[in-house]
Amino acid sequence: MLMLLAFAVCAWLLMRAPEGGRVIVERDGRVLFSAPLDMPRRVRLEGPVGPTVLSIEEGRVRIVASSCPQHFCQRQGAIARAGETLVCLPNRLLVRISGSPDAGNDYDFLSR
């Protein structure tokens, strides 16, 4: 019962997250690729164990191919909301969604 309640709260919080505006791909803290989510494309990124291919379409990004042995990154599915991430550990890739398209006008409660 407690597990079901925790899942429901997590799902509700994720649904409240704003839609993202950009996908940012990093390796070791360095940005390798950044693009808006509203421009469909496929991107091939070379990594320590081989290539990883990202697909951006319909405002979502997912890993469609990877040379890593387990392919866990491909099974993570697509992400579209700010704060969501995908990870490919063997290729040391972090794929994250940042802000909404109009995120430049956001303030937190301390800056108002």
Protein backbone atom coordinates (compact mmCIF):
# COMPACT_ATOMS: atom_id res chain seq x y z
CA MET A 1 0.00 0.00 0.00
CA LEU A 2 2.79 2.40 0.95
CA MET A 3 4.65 1.54 -2.27
CA LEU A 4 1.55 2.34 -4.34
CA LEU A 5 1.13 5.68 -2.56
CA ALA A 6 4.80 6.57 -3.17
CA PHE A 7 4.42 5.70 -6.86
CA ALA A 8 1.28 7.85 -7.16
CA VAL A 9 3.03 10.84 -5.55
CA CYS A 10 6.06 10.48 -7.86
CA ALA A 11 3.81 10.23 -10.92
CA TRP A 12 1.87 13.31 -9.84
CA LEU A 13 5.07 15.30 -9.33
CA LEU A 14 6.40 14.29 -12.74
CA MET A 15 3.15 15.29 -14.42
CA ARG A 16 3.48 18.75 -12.86
CA ALA A 17 6.95 19.31 -14.33
CA PRO A 18 6.93 21.83 -17.16
CA GLU A 19 7.59 20.70 -20.70
CA GLY A 20 11.20 21.09 -21.65
CA GLY A 21 12.59 23.35 -24.32
CA ARG A 22 16.08 21.91 -24.98
CA VAL A 23 17.94 18.66 -24.84
CA ILE A 24 21.47 18.88 -23.48
CA VAL A 25 23.95 16.00 -23.74
CA GLU A 26 26.99 16.01 -21.46
CA ARG A 27 30.03 13.83 -20.86
CA ASP A 28 32.19 14.41 -17.80
CA GLY A 29 30.53 17.79 -17.21
CA ARG A 30 31.23 19.04 -20.76
CA VAL A 31 28.34 19.80 -23.12
CA LEU A 32 28.65 17.71 -26.30
CA PHE A 33 25.33 18.62 -27.90
CA SER A 34 22.40 20.95 -27.31
CA ALA A 35 19.29 21.50 -29.42
CA PRO A 36 15.66 22.57 -29.14
CA LEU A 37 13.15 19.75 -28.73
CA ASP A 38 10.92 21.10 -31.49
CA MET A 39 13.42 20.29 -34.30
CA PRO A 40 13.27 16.57 -35.28
CA ARG A 41 16.67 14.98 -35.87
CA ARG A 42 18.95 12.04 -35.14
CA VAL A 43 22.31 12.60 -33.53
CA ARG A 44 25.23 10.16 -33.38
CA LEU A 45 27.65 10.69 -30.50
CA GLU A 46 30.89 8.73 -30.23
CA GLY A 47 31.77 7.34 -26.82
CA PRO A 48 34.40 5.23 -25.06
CA VAL A 49 32.66 1.96 -26.05
CA GLY A 50 31.27 3.16 -29.39
CA PRO A 51 28.44 5.29 -30.80
CA THR A 52 25.17 6.28 -29.14
CA VAL A 53 22.30 7.52 -31.32
CA LEU A 54 19.66 9.95 -30.02
CA SER A 55 16.34 10.61 -31.70
CA ILE A 56 14.51 13.91 -31.19
CA GLU A 57 10.93 13.89 -32.45
CA GLU A 58 7.54 15.22 -31.36
CA GLY A 59 9.13 17.20 -28.52
CA ARG A 60 10.73 14.11 -26.96
CA VAL A 61 14.22 12.61 -26.96
CA ARG A 62 15.26 8.98 -26.57
CA ILE A 63 18.29 6.79 -27.09
CA VAL A 64 17.54 4.57 -30.09
CA ALA A 65 20.88 2.78 -30.43
CA SER A 66 23.94 2.30 -28.28
CA SER A 67 27.06 0.19 -28.37
CA CYS A 68 26.96 -0.48 -24.63
CA PRO A 69 26.63 -4.17 -23.70
CA GLN A 70 23.38 -4.10 -21.67
CA HIS A 71 21.40 -1.44 -23.62
CA PHE A 72 19.73 -0.18 -20.43
CA CYS A 73 19.84 3.34 -21.86
CA GLN A 74 17.63 2.31 -24.78
CA ARG A 75 15.05 0.81 -22.41
CA GLN A 76 14.63 4.06 -20.47
CA GLY A 77 12.17 5.37 -23.06
CA ALA A 78 11.62 8.94 -24.18
CA ILE A 79 11.78 12.08 -22.04
CA ALA A 80 10.20 15.49 -22.63
CA ARG A 81 9.83 17.36 -19.34
CA ALA A 82 12.29 19.71 -17.69
CA GLY A 83 14.50 17.89 -15.22
CA GLU A 84 14.14 14.43 -16.77
CA THR A 85 17.34 12.55 -17.67
CA LEU A 86 18.64 9.57 -19.61
CA VAL A 87 21.99 7.99 -18.78
CA CYS A 88 24.37 5.72 -20.70
CA LEU A 89 27.01 4.78 -18.13
CA PRO A 90 29.43 2.86 -20.40
CA ASN A 91 29.60 5.84 -22.80
CA ARG A 92 29.47 8.30 -19.85
CA LEU A 93 26.57 10.25 -21.39
CA LEU A 94 24.00 12.30 -19.51
CA VAL A 95 21.03 13.40 -21.61
CA ARG A 96 18.83 15.96 -19.85
CA ILE A 97 15.92 18.24 -20.61
CA SER A 98 16.26 21.85 -19.55
CA GLY A 99 13.64 24.53 -19.09
CA SER A 100 10.61 25.40 -21.10
CA PRO A 101 10.84 27.39 -24.34
CA ASP A 102 10.04 30.57 -22.40
CA ALA A 103 12.16 29.71 -19.35
CA GLY A 104 14.05 32.98 -19.62
CA ASN A 105 11.25 34.75 -17.73
CA ASP A 106 11.19 32.40 -14.73
CA TYR A 107 12.07 33.60 -11.23
CA ASP A 108 12.22 31.77 -7.98
CA PHE A 109 10.51 33.12 -4.88
CA LEU A 110 13.72 34.71 -3.57
CA SER A 111 14.31 36.90 -6.59
CA ARG A 112 10.91 38.56 -6.78
